[in-house]
PDB file of N, CA and C in Angstrom:
ATOM      1  N   MET A   1       0.890  -1.178  -0.016  1.00  0.00           N
ATOM      2  CA  MET A   1      -0.039   0.005   0.040  1.00  0.00           C
ATOM      3  C   MET A   1       0.943   1.259  -0.006  1.00  0.00           C
ATOM      4  N   ASP A   2       0.610   2.219  -0.886  1.00  0.00           N
ATOM      5  CA  ASP A   2       1.488   3.374  -0.915  1.00  0.00           C
ATOM      6  C   ASP A   2       1.204   4.253   0.281  1.00  0.00           C
ATOM      7  N   THR A   3       2.233   5.157   0.473  1.00  0.00           N
ATOM      8  CA  THR A   3       2.223   6.041   1.706  1.00  0.00           C
ATOM      9  C   THR A   3       1.009   6.897   1.779  1.00  0.00           C
ATOM     10  N   LYS A   4       0.598   7.479   0.689  1.00  0.00           N
ATOM     11  CA  LYS A   4      -0.533   8.382   0.612  1.00  0.00           C
ATOM     12  C   LYS A   4      -1.859   7.686   1.108  1.00  0.00           C
ATOM     13  N   ARG A   5      -2.031   6.553   0.550  1.00  0.00           N
ATOM     14  CA  ARG A   5      -3.263   5.711   0.873  1.00  0.00           C
ATOM     15  C   ARG A   5      -3.195   5.287   2.348  1.00  0.00           C
ATOM     16  N   ARG A   6      -1.989   4.904   2.885  1.00  0.00           N
ATOM     17  CA  ARG A   6      -1.858   4.509   4.259  1.00  0.00           C
ATOM     18  C   ARG A   6      -2.210   5.684   5.160  1.00  0.00           C
ATOM     19  N   LYS A   7      -1.742   6.852   4.798  1.00  0.00           N
ATOM     20  CA  LYS A   7      -2.002   8.050   5.625  1.00  0.00           C
ATOM     21  C   LYS A   7      -3.498   8.283   5.624  1.00  0.00           C
ATOM     22  N   LEU A   8      -4.178   8.205   4.508  1.00  0.00           N
ATOM     23  CA  LEU A   8      -5.642   8.429   4.403  1.00  0.00           C
ATOM     24  C   LEU A   8      -6.384   7.427   5.351  1.00  0.00           C
ATOM     25  N   LEU A   9      -5.999   6.211   5.308  1.00  0.00           N
ATOM     26  CA  LEU A   9      -6.669   5.284   6.218  1.00  0.00           C
ATOM     27  C   LEU A   9      -6.399   5.627   7.654  1.00  0.00           C
ATOM     28  N   CYS A  10      -5.248   6.090   8.026  1.00  0.00           N
ATOM     29  CA  CYS A  10      -4.921   6.427   9.395  1.00  0.00           C
ATOM     30  C   CYS A  10      -5.749   7.578   9.952  1.00  0.00           C
ATOM     31  N   TRP A  11      -6.070   8.487   9.068  1.00  0.00           N
ATOM     32  CA  TRP A  11      -6.888   9.684   9.462  1.00  0.00           C
ATOM     33  C   TRP A  11      -8.271   9.385   9.828  1.00  0.00           C
ATOM     34  N   GLY A  12      -8.856   8.376   9.259  1.00  0.00           N
ATOM     35  CA  GLY A  12     -10.298   8.126   9.459  1.00  0.00           C
ATOM     36  C   GLY A  12     -11.092   9.032   8.636  1.00  0.00           C
ATOM     37  N   ALA A  13     -12.304   8.623   8.452  1.00  0.00           N
ATOM     38  CA  ALA A  13     -13.281   9.336   7.566  1.00  0.00           C
ATOM     39  C   ALA A  13     -13.487  10.777   8.003  1.00  0.00           C
ATOM     40  N   ALA A  14     -13.827  10.968   9.343  1.00  0.00           N
ATOM     41  CA  ALA A  14     -14.088  12.294   9.805  1.00  0.00           C
ATOM     42  C   ALA A  14     -12.947  13.209   9.684  1.00  0.00           C
ATOM     43  N   GLY A  15     -11.688  12.789  10.050  1.00  0.00           N
ATOM     44  CA  GLY A  15     -10.488  13.617   9.974  1.00  0.00           C
ATOM     45  C   GLY A  15     -10.238  13.900   8.533  1.00  0.00           C
ATOM     46  N   MET A  16     -10.390  12.934   7.613  1.00  0.00           N
ATOM     47  CA  MET A  16     -10.076  13.150   6.243  1.00  0.00           C
ATOM     48  C   MET A  16     -11.114  14.184   5.674  1.00  0.00           C
ATOM     49  N   ALA A  17     -12.392  14.078   5.984  1.00  0.00           N
ATOM     50  CA  ALA A  17     -13.335  14.980   5.510  1.00  0.00           C
ATOM     51  C   ALA A  17     -13.029  16.424   6.018  1.00  0.00           C
ATOM     52  N   ALA A  18     -12.584  16.550   7.258  1.00  0.00           N
ATOM     53  CA  ALA A  18     -12.297  17.911   7.750  1.00  0.00           C
ATOM     54  C   ALA A  18     -11.044  18.488   7.077  1.00  0.00           C
ATOM     55  N   LEU A  19     -10.077  17.565   6.784  1.00  0.00           N
ATOM     56  CA  LEU A  19      -8.862  18.077   6.110  1.00  0.00           C
ATOM     57  C   LEU A  19      -9.160  18.496   4.689  1.00  0.00           C
ATOM     58  N   MET A  20      -9.994  17.701   3.977  1.00  0.00           N
ATOM     59  CA  MET A  20     -10.263  17.980   2.605  1.00  0.00           C
ATOM     60  C   MET A  20     -11.122  19.297   2.511  1.00  0.00           C
ATOM     61  N   ALA A  21     -12.089  19.407   3.501  1.00  0.00           N
ATOM     62  CA  ALA A  21     -12.851  20.739   3.497  1.00  0.00           C
ATOM     63  C   ALA A  21     -11.892  21.886   3.737  1.00  0.00           C
ATOM     64  N   GLY A  22     -10.963  21.743   4.606  1.00  0.00           N
ATOM     65  CA  GLY A  22      -9.952  22.769   4.866  1.00  0.00           C
ATOM     66  C   GLY A  22      -9.132  23.021   3.625  1.00  0.00           C
ATOM     67  N   ALA A  23      -8.742  22.014   2.917  1.00  0.00           N
ATOM     68  CA  ALA A  23      -7.844  22.125   1.796  1.00  0.00           C
ATOM     69  C   ALA A  23      -8.635  22.877   0.632  1.00  0.00           C
ATOM     70  N   ARG A  24      -9.926  22.558   0.469  1.00  0.00           N
ATOM     71  CA  ARG A  24     -10.707  23.190  -0.570  1.00  0.00           C
ATOM     72  C   ARG A  24     -10.917  24.611  -0.229  1.00  0.00           C
ATOM     73  N   ALA A  25     -11.140  24.962   1.119  1.00  0.00           N
ATOM     74  CA  ALA A  25     -11.447  26.269   1.570  1.00  0.00           C
ATOM     75  C   ALA A  25     -10.181  27.195   1.671  1.00  0.00           C
ATOM     76  N   ALA A  26      -9.042  26.507   1.890  1.00  0.00           N
ATOM     77  CA  ALA A  26      -7.855  27.422   2.035  1.00  0.00           C
ATOM     78  C   ALA A  26      -7.420  28.075   0.743  1.00  0.00           C
ATOM     79  N   ALA A  27      -7.503  29.414   0.809  1.00  0.00           N
ATOM     80  CA  ALA A  27      -7.164  30.213  -0.315  1.00  0.00           C
ATOM     81  C   ALA A  27      -5.655  30.220  -0.488  1.00  0.00           C
ATOM     82  N   ALA A  28      -5.146  30.479  -1.687  1.00  0.00           N
ATOM     83  CA  ALA A  28      -3.748  30.501  -2.020  1.00  0.00           C
ATOM     84  C   ALA A  28      -3.056  31.623  -1.058  1.00  0.00           C
ATOM     85  N   ASP A  29      -3.835  32.580  -0.672  1.00  0.00           N
ATOM     86  CA  ASP A  29      -3.234  33.678   0.157  1.00  0.00           C
ATOM     87  C   ASP A  29      -3.513  33.498   1.669  1.00  0.00           C
ATOM     88  N   ALA A  30      -3.896  32.279   2.065  1.00  0.00           N
ATOM     89  CA  ALA A  30      -4.229  32.014   3.495  1.00  0.00           C
ATOM     90  C   ALA A  30      -2.863  32.258   4.250  1.00  0.00           C
ATOM     91  N   PRO A  31      -3.063  32.903   5.422  1.00  0.00           N
ATOM     92  CA  PRO A  31      -1.848  33.080   6.307  1.00  0.00           C
ATOM     93  C   PRO A  31      -1.185  31.727   6.637  1.00  0.00           C
ATOM     94  N   ARG A  32       0.152  31.787   6.598  1.00  0.00           N
ATOM     95  CA  ARG A  32       0.932  30.599   6.916  1.00  0.00           C
ATOM     96  C   ARG A  32       1.531  30.811   8.308  1.00  0.00           C
ATOM     97  N   ILE A  33       1.450  29.778   9.086  1.00  0.00           N
ATOM     98  CA  ILE A  33       2.063  29.774  10.435  1.00  0.00           C
ATOM     99  C   ILE A  33       3.197  28.776  10.522  1.00  0.00           C
ATOM    100  N   GLN A  34       4.397  29.311  10.749  1.00  0.00           N
ATOM    101  CA  GLN A  34       5.534  28.390  10.858  1.00  0.00           C
ATOM    102  C   GLN A  34       5.578  27.740  12.232  1.00  0.00           C
ATOM    103  N   VAL A  35       5.706  26.465  12.264  1.00  0.00           N
ATOM    104  CA  VAL A  35       5.800  25.724  13.471  1.00  0.00           C
ATOM    105  C   VAL A  35       7.068  24.744  13.476  1.00  0.00           C
ATOM    106  N   THR A  36       7.817  24.691  14.452  1.00  0.00           N
ATOM    107  CA  THR A  36       8.937  23.774  14.572  1.00  0.00           C
ATOM    108  C   THR A  36       8.670  22.687  15.638  1.00  0.00           C
ATOM    109  N   ALA A  37       8.934  21.432  15.198  1.00  0.00           N
ATOM    110  CA  ALA A  37       8.813  20.258  16.093  1.00  0.00           C
ATOM    111  C   ALA A  37      10.225  19.829  16.355  1.00  0.00           C
ATOM    112  N   ARG A  38      10.603  19.781  17.648  1.00  0.00           N
ATOM    113  CA  ARG A  38      11.879  19.203  18.094  1.00  0.00           C
ATOM    114  C   ARG A  38      11.777  18.611  19.371  1.00  0.00           C
ATOM    115  N   LYS A  39      12.609  17.642  19.711  1.00  0.00           N
ATOM    116  CA  LYS A  39      12.572  16.980  21.033  1.00  0.00           C
ATOM    117  C   LYS A  39      12.607  18.097  22.070  1.00  0.00           C
ATOM    118  N   PHE A  40      11.823  18.275  22.891  1.00  0.00           N
ATOM    119  CA  PHE A  40      10.465  17.663  23.178  1.00  0.00           C
ATOM    120  C   PHE A  40       9.504  18.758  23.240  1.00  0.00           C
ATOM    121  N   GLN A  41       9.405  19.564  22.122  1.00  0.00           N
ATOM    122  CA  GLN A  41       8.591  20.787  22.113  1.00  0.00           C
ATOM    123  C   GLN A  41       8.129  21.101  20.690  1.00  0.00           C
ATOM    124  N   PHE A  42       6.994  21.856  20.681  1.00  0.00           N
ATOM    125  CA  PHE A  42       6.537  22.527  19.459  1.00  0.00           C
ATOM    126  C   PHE A  42       6.716  24.047  19.708  1.00  0.00           C
ATOM    127  N   THR A  43       7.160  24.709  18.680  1.00  0.00           N
ATOM    128  CA  THR A  43       7.352  26.193  18.749  1.00  0.00           C
ATOM    129  C   THR A  43       6.735  26.844  17.584  1.00  0.00           C
ATOM    130  N   PRO A  44       5.867  27.850  17.730  1.00  0.00           N
ATOM    131  CA  PRO A  44       5.374  28.441  18.988  1.00  0.00           C
ATOM    132  C   PRO A  44       4.377  27.511  19.616  1.00  0.00           C
ATOM    133  N   ASN A  45       4.192  27.801  20.844  1.00  0.00           N
ATOM    134  CA  ASN A  45       3.184  27.073  21.663  1.00  0.00           C
ATOM    135  C   ASN A  45       2.746  27.997  22.728  1.00  0.00           C
ATOM    136  N   PRO A  46       1.482  28.505  22.689  1.00  0.00           N
ATOM    137  CA  PRO A  46       0.406  28.122  21.794  1.00  0.00           C
ATOM    138  C   PRO A  46       0.543  28.656  20.432  1.00  0.00           C
ATOM    139  N   ILE A  47      -0.275  28.082  19.465  1.00  0.00           N
ATOM    140  CA  ILE A  47      -0.427  28.615  18.132  1.00  0.00           C
ATOM    141  C   ILE A  47      -1.831  29.356  18.146  1.00  0.00           C
ATOM    142  N   VAL A  48      -1.783  30.629  17.805  1.00  0.00           N
ATOM    143  CA  VAL A  48      -2.988  31.444  17.907  1.00  0.00           C
ATOM    144  C   VAL A  48      -3.526  31.639  16.500  1.00  0.00           C
ATOM    145  N   ILE A  49      -4.847  31.263  16.302  1.00  0.00           N
ATOM    146  CA  ILE A  49      -5.458  31.511  15.025  1.00  0.00           C
ATOM    147  C   ILE A  49      -6.876  32.105  15.305  1.00  0.00           C
ATOM    148  N   PRO A  50      -7.378  32.869  14.378  1.00  0.00           N
ATOM    149  CA  PRO A  50      -8.706  33.374  14.521  1.00  0.00           C
ATOM    150  C   PRO A  50      -9.740  32.352  14.107  1.00  0.00           C
ATOM    151  N   ARG A  51     -10.911  32.440  14.769  1.00  0.00           N
ATOM    152  CA  ARG A  51     -12.001  31.486  14.487  1.00  0.00           C
ATOM    153  C   ARG A  51     -12.560  31.687  13.146  1.00  0.00           C
ATOM    154  N   GLY A  52     -12.766  30.573  12.461  1.00  0.00           N
ATOM    155  CA  GLY A  52     -13.406  30.631  11.059  1.00  0.00           C
ATOM    156  C   GLY A  52     -12.522  31.228   9.949  1.00  0.00           C
ATOM    157  N   VAL A  53     -11.258  31.300  10.139  1.00  0.00           N
ATOM    158  CA  VAL A  53     -10.342  31.867   9.159  1.00  0.00           C
ATOM    159  C   VAL A  53      -9.410  30.740   8.617  1.00  0.00           C
ATOM    160  N   ASP A  54      -9.247  30.648   7.368  1.00  0.00           N
ATOM    161  CA  ASP A  54      -8.270  29.658   6.815  1.00  0.00           C
ATOM    162  C   ASP A  54      -6.925  30.025   7.106  1.00  0.00           C
ATOM    163  N   VAL A  55      -6.094  29.058   7.640  1.00  0.00           N
ATOM    164  CA  VAL A  55      -4.715  29.197   7.829  1.00  0.00           C
ATOM    165  C   VAL A  55      -4.060  27.974   7.253  1.00  0.00           C
ATOM    166  N   ILE A  56      -2.730  28.070   7.147  1.00  0.00           N
ATOM    167  CA  ILE A  56      -2.017  26.856   6.714  1.00  0.00           C
ATOM    168  C   ILE A  56      -0.901  26.761   7.841  1.00  0.00           C
ATOM    169  N   LEU A  57      -0.848  25.576   8.517  1.00  0.00           N
ATOM    170  CA  LEU A  57       0.275  25.345   9.439  1.00  0.00           C
ATOM    171  C   LEU A  57       1.339  24.770   8.532  1.00  0.00           C
ATOM    172  N   GLU A  58       2.598  25.314   8.665  1.00  0.00           N
ATOM    173  CA  GLU A  58       3.706  24.744   8.065  1.00  0.00           C
ATOM    174  C   GLU A  58       4.640  24.284   9.077  1.00  0.00           C
ATOM    175  N   ILE A  59       4.643  22.929   9.330  1.00  0.00           N
ATOM    176  CA  ILE A  59       5.382  22.301  10.457  1.00  0.00           C
ATOM    177  C   ILE A  59       6.604  21.644   9.902  1.00  0.00           C
ATOM    178  N   THR A  60       7.741  21.954  10.558  1.00  0.00           N
ATOM    179  CA  THR A  60       8.996  21.338  10.195  1.00  0.00           C
ATOM    180  C   THR A  60       9.587  20.628  11.403  1.00  0.00           C
ATOM    181  N   ALA A  61       9.802  19.284  11.247  1.00  0.00           N
ATOM    182  CA  ALA A  61      10.530  18.527  12.301  1.00  0.00           C
ATOM    183  C   ALA A  61      12.006  18.642  12.033  1.00  0.00           C
ATOM    184  N   VAL A  62      12.777  18.971  13.050  1.00  0.00           N
ATOM    185  CA  VAL A  62      14.269  19.191  12.805  1.00  0.00           C
ATOM    186  C   VAL A  62      15.112  18.010  13.216  1.00  0.00           C
ATOM    187  N   ASP A  63      14.611  17.108  14.033  1.00  0.00           N
ATOM    188  CA  ASP A  63      15.487  16.119  14.611  1.00  0.00           C
ATOM    189  C   ASP A  63      14.976  14.699  14.620  1.00  0.00           C
ATOM    190  N   PHE A  64      13.768  14.393  14.248  1.00  0.00           N
ATOM    191  CA  PHE A  64      13.144  13.092  14.481  1.00  0.00           C
ATOM    192  C   PHE A  64      11.842  13.071  13.677  1.00  0.00           C
ATOM    193  N   MET A  65      11.311  11.915  13.405  1.00  0.00           N
ATOM    194  CA  MET A  65      10.040  11.808  12.735  1.00  0.00           C
ATOM    195  C   MET A  65       8.940  11.908  13.895  1.00  0.00           C
ATOM    196  N   HIS A  66       8.552  13.136  14.152  1.00  0.00           N
ATOM    197  CA  HIS A  66       7.458  13.380  15.168  1.00  0.00           C
ATOM    198  C   HIS A  66       6.122  13.095  14.559  1.00  0.00           C
ATOM    199  N   GLY A  67       5.137  13.027  15.433  1.00  0.00           N
ATOM    200  CA  GLY A  67       3.794  12.940  15.008  1.00  0.00           C
ATOM    201  C   GLY A  67       3.099  14.226  15.377  1.00  0.00           C
ATOM    202  N   PHE A  68       2.001  14.526  14.624  1.00  0.00           N
ATOM    203  CA  PHE A  68       1.105  15.669  14.926  1.00  0.00           C
ATOM    204  C   PHE A  68      -0.235  15.196  14.975  1.00  0.00           C
ATOM    205  N   SER A  69      -0.829  15.082  16.162  1.00  0.00           N
ATOM    206  CA  SER A  69      -2.139  14.563  16.371  1.00  0.00           C
ATOM    207  C   SER A  69      -3.024  15.610  17.032  1.00  0.00           C
ATOM    208  N   VAL A  70      -4.234  15.861  16.481  1.00  0.00           N
ATOM    209  CA  VAL A  70      -5.227  16.729  17.144  1.00  0.00           C
ATOM    210  C   VAL A  70      -6.528  15.883  17.298  1.00  0.00           C
ATOM    211  N   PRO A  71      -6.572  15.258  18.463  1.00  0.00           N
ATOM    212  CA  PRO A  71      -7.709  14.309  18.700  1.00  0.00           C
ATOM    213  C   PRO A  71      -9.045  14.897  18.537  1.00  0.00           C
ATOM    214  N   GLU A  72      -9.212  16.202  18.921  1.00  0.00           N
ATOM    215  CA  GLU A  72     -10.583  16.810  18.833  1.00  0.00           C
ATOM    216  C   GLU A  72     -10.998  16.897  17.371  1.00  0.00           C
ATOM    217  N   LEU A  73     -10.065  17.080  16.480  1.00  0.00           N
ATOM    218  CA  LEU A  73     -10.338  17.258  15.051  1.00  0.00           C
ATOM    219  C   LEU A  73     -10.227  15.903  14.337  1.00  0.00           C
ATOM    220  N   LYS A  74      -9.874  14.810  14.999  1.00  0.00           N
ATOM    221  CA  LYS A  74      -9.708  13.491  14.434  1.00  0.00           C
ATOM    222  C   LYS A  74      -8.726  13.539  13.337  1.00  0.00           C
ATOM    223  N   PHE A  75      -7.561  14.164  13.608  1.00  0.00           N
ATOM    224  CA  PHE A  75      -6.563  14.332  12.540  1.00  0.00           C
ATOM    225  C   PHE A  75      -5.183  13.962  13.184  1.00  0.00           C
ATOM    226  N   ARG A  76      -4.367  13.310  12.296  1.00  0.00           N
ATOM    227  CA  ARG A  76      -2.944  13.066  12.621  1.00  0.00           C
ATOM    228  C   ARG A  76      -2.130  12.872  11.361  1.00  0.00           C
ATOM    229  N   THR A  77      -0.848  13.194  11.498  1.00  0.00           N
ATOM    230  CA  THR A  77       0.060  12.993  10.415  1.00  0.00           C
ATOM    231  C   THR A  77       1.434  12.844  10.976  1.00  0.00           C
ATOM    232  N   ASP A  78       2.330  12.349  10.202  1.00  0.00           N
ATOM    233  CA  ASP A  78       3.738  12.213  10.524  1.00  0.00           C
ATOM    234  C   ASP A  78       4.449  13.450  10.024  1.00  0.00           C
ATOM    235  N   LEU A  79       5.461  13.930  10.770  1.00  0.00           N
ATOM    236  CA  LEU A  79       6.357  15.042  10.392  1.00  0.00           C
ATOM    237  C   LEU A  79       7.696  14.555  10.146  1.00  0.00           C
ATOM    238  N   MET A  80       8.049  14.517   8.879  1.00  0.00           N
ATOM    239  CA  MET A  80       9.362  13.974   8.477  1.00  0.00           C
ATOM    240  C   MET A  80      10.441  14.935   8.729  1.00  0.00           C
ATOM    241  N   PRO A  81      11.609  14.598   9.252  1.00  0.00           N
ATOM    242  CA  PRO A  81      12.717  15.520   9.535  1.00  0.00           C
ATOM    243  C   PRO A  81      13.147  16.272   8.219  1.00  0.00           C
ATOM    244  N   GLY A  82      13.328  17.592   8.477  1.00  0.00           N
ATOM    245  CA  GLY A  82      13.802  18.391   7.350  1.00  0.00           C
ATOM    246  C   GLY A  82      12.849  18.774   6.292  1.00  0.00           C
ATOM    247  N   ARG A  83      11.590  18.236   6.383  1.00  0.00           N
ATOM    248  CA  ARG A  83      10.550  18.556   5.369  1.00  0.00           C
ATOM    249  C   ARG A  83       9.469  19.321   5.999  1.00  0.00           C
ATOM    250  N   VAL A  84       8.845  20.240   5.225  1.00  0.00           N
ATOM    251  CA  VAL A  84       7.687  21.050   5.660  1.00  0.00           C
ATOM    252  C   VAL A  84       6.466  20.224   5.427  1.00  0.00           C
ATOM    253  N   THR A  85       5.582  20.165   6.415  1.00  0.00           N
ATOM    254  CA  THR A  85       4.340  19.497   6.286  1.00  0.00           C
ATOM    255  C   THR A  85       3.290  20.605   6.354  1.00  0.00           C
ATOM    256  N   ARG A  86       2.488  20.797   5.320  1.00  0.00           N
ATOM    257  CA  ARG A  86       1.524  21.873   5.239  1.00  0.00           C
ATOM    258  C   ARG A  86       0.151  21.280   5.650  1.00  0.00           C
ATOM    259  N   ILE A  87      -0.519  21.897   6.539  1.00  0.00           N
ATOM    260  CA  ILE A  87      -1.813  21.468   7.012  1.00  0.00           C
ATOM    261  C   ILE A  87      -2.794  22.685   6.934  1.00  0.00           C
ATOM    262  N   PRO A  88      -3.648  22.603   5.892  1.00  0.00           N
ATOM    263  CA  PRO A  88      -4.745  23.600   5.889  1.00  0.00           C
ATOM    264  C   PRO A  88      -5.691  23.436   7.027  1.00  0.00           C
ATOM    265  N   LEU A  89      -6.118  24.504   7.608  1.00  0.00           N
ATOM    266  CA  LEU A  89      -6.881  24.398   8.831  1.00  0.00           C
ATOM    267  C   LEU A  89      -7.856  25.554   8.920  1.00  0.00           C
ATOM    268  N   ARG A  90      -9.092  25.284   9.342  1.00  0.00           N
ATOM    269  CA  ARG A  90     -10.058  26.264   9.681  1.00  0.00           C
ATOM    270  C   ARG A  90     -10.840  25.655  10.872  1.00  0.00           C
ATOM    271  N   ILE A  91     -10.836  26.390  11.975  1.00  0.00           N
ATOM    272  CA  ILE A  91     -11.621  25.968  13.125  1.00  0.00           C
ATOM    273  C   ILE A  91     -12.700  26.957  13.364  1.00  0.00           C
ATOM    274  N   ASN A  92     -13.914  26.511  13.472  1.00  0.00           N
ATOM    275  CA  ASN A  92     -15.060  27.392  13.436  1.00  0.00           C
ATOM    276  C   ASN A  92     -15.675  27.680  14.830  1.00  0.00           C
ATOM    277  N   HIS A  93     -14.878  27.250  15.875  1.00  0.00           N
ATOM    278  CA  HIS A  93     -15.370  27.506  17.267  1.00  0.00           C
ATOM    279  C   HIS A  93     -14.178  28.136  18.003  1.00  0.00           C
ATOM    280  N   ALA A  94     -14.503  29.057  18.891  1.00  0.00           N
ATOM    281  CA  ALA A  94     -13.483  29.636  19.783  1.00  0.00           C
ATOM    282  C   ALA A  94     -13.058  28.768  20.893  1.00  0.00           C
ATOM    283  N   GLY A  95     -11.826  28.977  21.394  1.00  0.00           N
ATOM    284  CA  GLY A  95     -11.356  28.149  22.548  1.00  0.00           C
ATOM    285  C   GLY A  95     -10.135  27.371  22.247  1.00  0.00           C
ATOM    286  N   PRO A  96      -9.732  26.587  23.246  1.00  0.00           N
ATOM    287  CA  PRO A  96      -8.436  25.804  23.017  1.00  0.00           C
ATOM    288  C   PRO A  96      -8.663  24.506  22.308  1.00  0.00           C
ATOM    289  N   VAL A  97      -7.645  24.103  21.500  1.00  0.00           N
ATOM    290  CA  VAL A  97      -7.739  22.768  20.874  1.00  0.00           C
ATOM    291  C   VAL A  97      -6.296  22.227  21.123  1.00  0.00           C
ATOM    292  N   ASP A  98      -6.219  21.093  21.801  1.00  0.00           N
ATOM    293  CA  ASP A  98      -4.932  20.508  22.137  1.00  0.00           C
ATOM    294  C   ASP A  98      -4.421  19.571  21.017  1.00  0.00           C
ATOM    295  N   PHE A  99      -3.032  19.555  20.864  1.00  0.00           N
ATOM    296  CA  PHE A  99      -2.437  18.638  19.983  1.00  0.00           C
ATOM    297  C   PHE A  99      -1.177  18.018  20.711  1.00  0.00           C
ATOM    298  N   LEU A 100      -0.641  17.023  20.086  1.00  0.00           N
ATOM    299  CA  LEU A 100       0.457  16.260  20.743  1.00  0.00           C
ATOM    300  C   LEU A 100       1.249  15.524  19.653  1.00  0.00           C
ATOM    301  N   CYS A 101       2.482  15.132  20.030  1.00  0.00           N
ATOM    302  CA  CYS A 101       3.353  14.316  19.237  1.00  0.00           C
ATOM    303  C   CYS A 101       2.935  12.862  19.732  1.00  0.00           C
ATOM    304  N   ASP A 102       2.649  12.008  18.716  1.00  0.00           N
ATOM    305  CA  ASP A 102       2.199  10.658  19.047  1.00  0.00           C
ATOM    306  C   ASP A 102       3.195   9.564  18.482  1.00  0.00           C
ATOM    307  N   ASN A 103       4.421  10.055  18.119  1.00  0.00           N
ATOM    308  CA  ASN A 103       5.545   9.124  17.870  1.00  0.00           C
ATOM    309  C   ASN A 103       6.530   9.285  18.983  1.00  0.00           C
ATOM    310  N   PHE A 104       6.801   8.153  19.659  1.00  0.00           N
ATOM    311  CA  PHE A 104       7.693   8.217  20.827  1.00  0.00           C
ATOM    312  C   PHE A 104       9.006   8.663  20.391  1.00  0.00           C
ATOM    313  N   CYS A 105       9.488   9.781  20.996  1.00  0.00           N
ATOM    314  CA  CYS A 105      10.829  10.349  20.642  1.00  0.00           C
ATOM    315  C   CYS A 105      11.827  10.397  21.716  1.00  0.00           C
ATOM    316  N   GLY A 106      11.612   9.646  22.799  1.00  0.00           N
ATOM    317  CA  GLY A 106      12.583   9.561  23.880  1.00  0.00           C
ATOM    318  C   GLY A 106      12.021  10.014  25.227  1.00  0.00           C
ATOM    319  N   ASP A 107      12.925  10.065  26.256  1.00  0.00           N
ATOM    320  CA  ASP A 107      12.518  10.592  27.506  1.00  0.00           C
ATOM    321  C   ASP A 107      12.182  12.065  27.359  1.00  0.00           C
ATOM    322  N   GLY A 108      10.970  12.411  27.876  1.00  0.00           N
ATOM    323  CA  GLY A 108      10.490  13.794  27.688  1.00  0.00           C
ATOM    324  C   GLY A 108       9.345  13.792  26.722  1.00  0.00           C
ATOM    325  N   HIS A 109       9.157  12.659  25.957  1.00  0.00           N
ATOM    326  CA  HIS A 109       8.158  12.647  24.926  1.00  0.00           C
ATOM    327  C   HIS A 109       6.697  13.000  25.508  1.00  0.00           C
ATOM    328  N   GLU A 110       6.472  12.529  26.638  1.00  0.00           N
ATOM    329  CA  GLU A 110       5.084  12.755  27.204  1.00  0.00           C
ATOM    330  C   GLU A 110       4.789  14.271  27.421  1.00  0.00           C
ATOM    331  N   GLU A 111       5.918  15.073  27.425  1.00  0.00           N
ATOM    332  CA  GLU A 111       5.637  16.590  27.490  1.00  0.00           C
ATOM    333  C   GLU A 111       5.534  17.321  26.179  1.00  0.00           C
ATOM    334  N   MET A 112       5.667  16.520  25.072  1.00  0.00           N
ATOM    335  CA  MET A 112       5.577  17.130  23.742  1.00  0.00           C
ATOM    336  C   MET A 112       4.146  17.256  23.345  1.00  0.00           C
ATOM    337  N   ASN A 113       3.545  18.360  23.716  1.00  0.00           N
ATOM    338  CA  ASN A 113       2.183  18.603  23.366  1.00  0.00           C
ATOM    339  C   ASN A 113       2.020  20.187  23.189  1.00  0.00           C
ATOM    340  N   GLY A 114       0.881  20.610  22.803  1.00  0.00           N
ATOM    341  CA  GLY A 114       0.681  22.036  22.564  1.00  0.00           C
ATOM    342  C   GLY A 114      -0.837  22.334  22.491  1.00  0.00           C
ATOM    343  N   ARG A 115      -1.030  23.566  22.217  1.00  0.00           N
ATOM    344  CA  ARG A 115      -2.435  24.061  22.137  1.00  0.00           C
ATOM    345  C   ARG A 115      -2.554  25.055  21.005  1.00  0.00           C
ATOM    346  N   ILE A 116      -3.665  24.903  20.321  1.00  0.00           N
ATOM    347  CA  ILE A 116      -4.102  25.929  19.357  1.00  0.00           C
ATOM    348  C   ILE A 116      -5.107  26.793  20.071  1.00  0.00           C
ATOM    349  N   LEU A 117      -4.934  28.072  20.176  1.00  0.00           N
ATOM    350  CA  LEU A 117      -5.879  28.964  20.754  1.00  0.00           C
ATOM    351  C   LEU A 117      -6.643  29.609  19.706  1.00  0.00           C
ATOM    352  N   VAL A 118      -7.926  29.409  19.582  1.00  0.00           N
ATOM    353  CA  VAL A 118      -8.819  29.869  18.561  1.00  0.00           C
ATOM    354  C   VAL A 118      -9.516  31.106  19.180  1.00  0.00           C
ATOM    355  N   THR A 119      -9.200  32.292  18.637  1.00  0.00           N
ATOM    356  CA  THR A 119      -9.759  33.555  19.143  1.00  0.00           C
ATOM    357  C   THR A 119     -11.103  33.813  18.526  1.00  0.00           C
ATOM    358  N   ALA A 120     -11.969  34.484  19.330  1.00  0.00           N
ATOM    359  CA  ALA A 120     -13.365  34.774  18.844  1.00  0.00           C
ATOM    360  C   ALA A 120     -13.330  35.882  17.733  1.00  0.00           C
TER     361      ALA A 120
END
């Protein structure tokens, strides 16, 4: 099974539908937010985005194949070292949305999490 198909199956139907809706909605000029993943942190943290606005997270893992999982949105992907992973995103409710690394990356892994703050 190719990598793209395997990732689609890992996301599940709800996560894939949300991602595809975000991808269709994300305009070419959507703001891009640079995020770095490294043992054992995401930077910036928190990530602040406005409610109902298309943004694109551009996440770069610098030292390891980290995971990026947003349980509330039923979304996850792998972050390959040295590559930018682009995630179109629109969250239509205000408040916090938690995310975490779900690929074990060593002692301290359990602290590798973050929050998206969605402003009203």
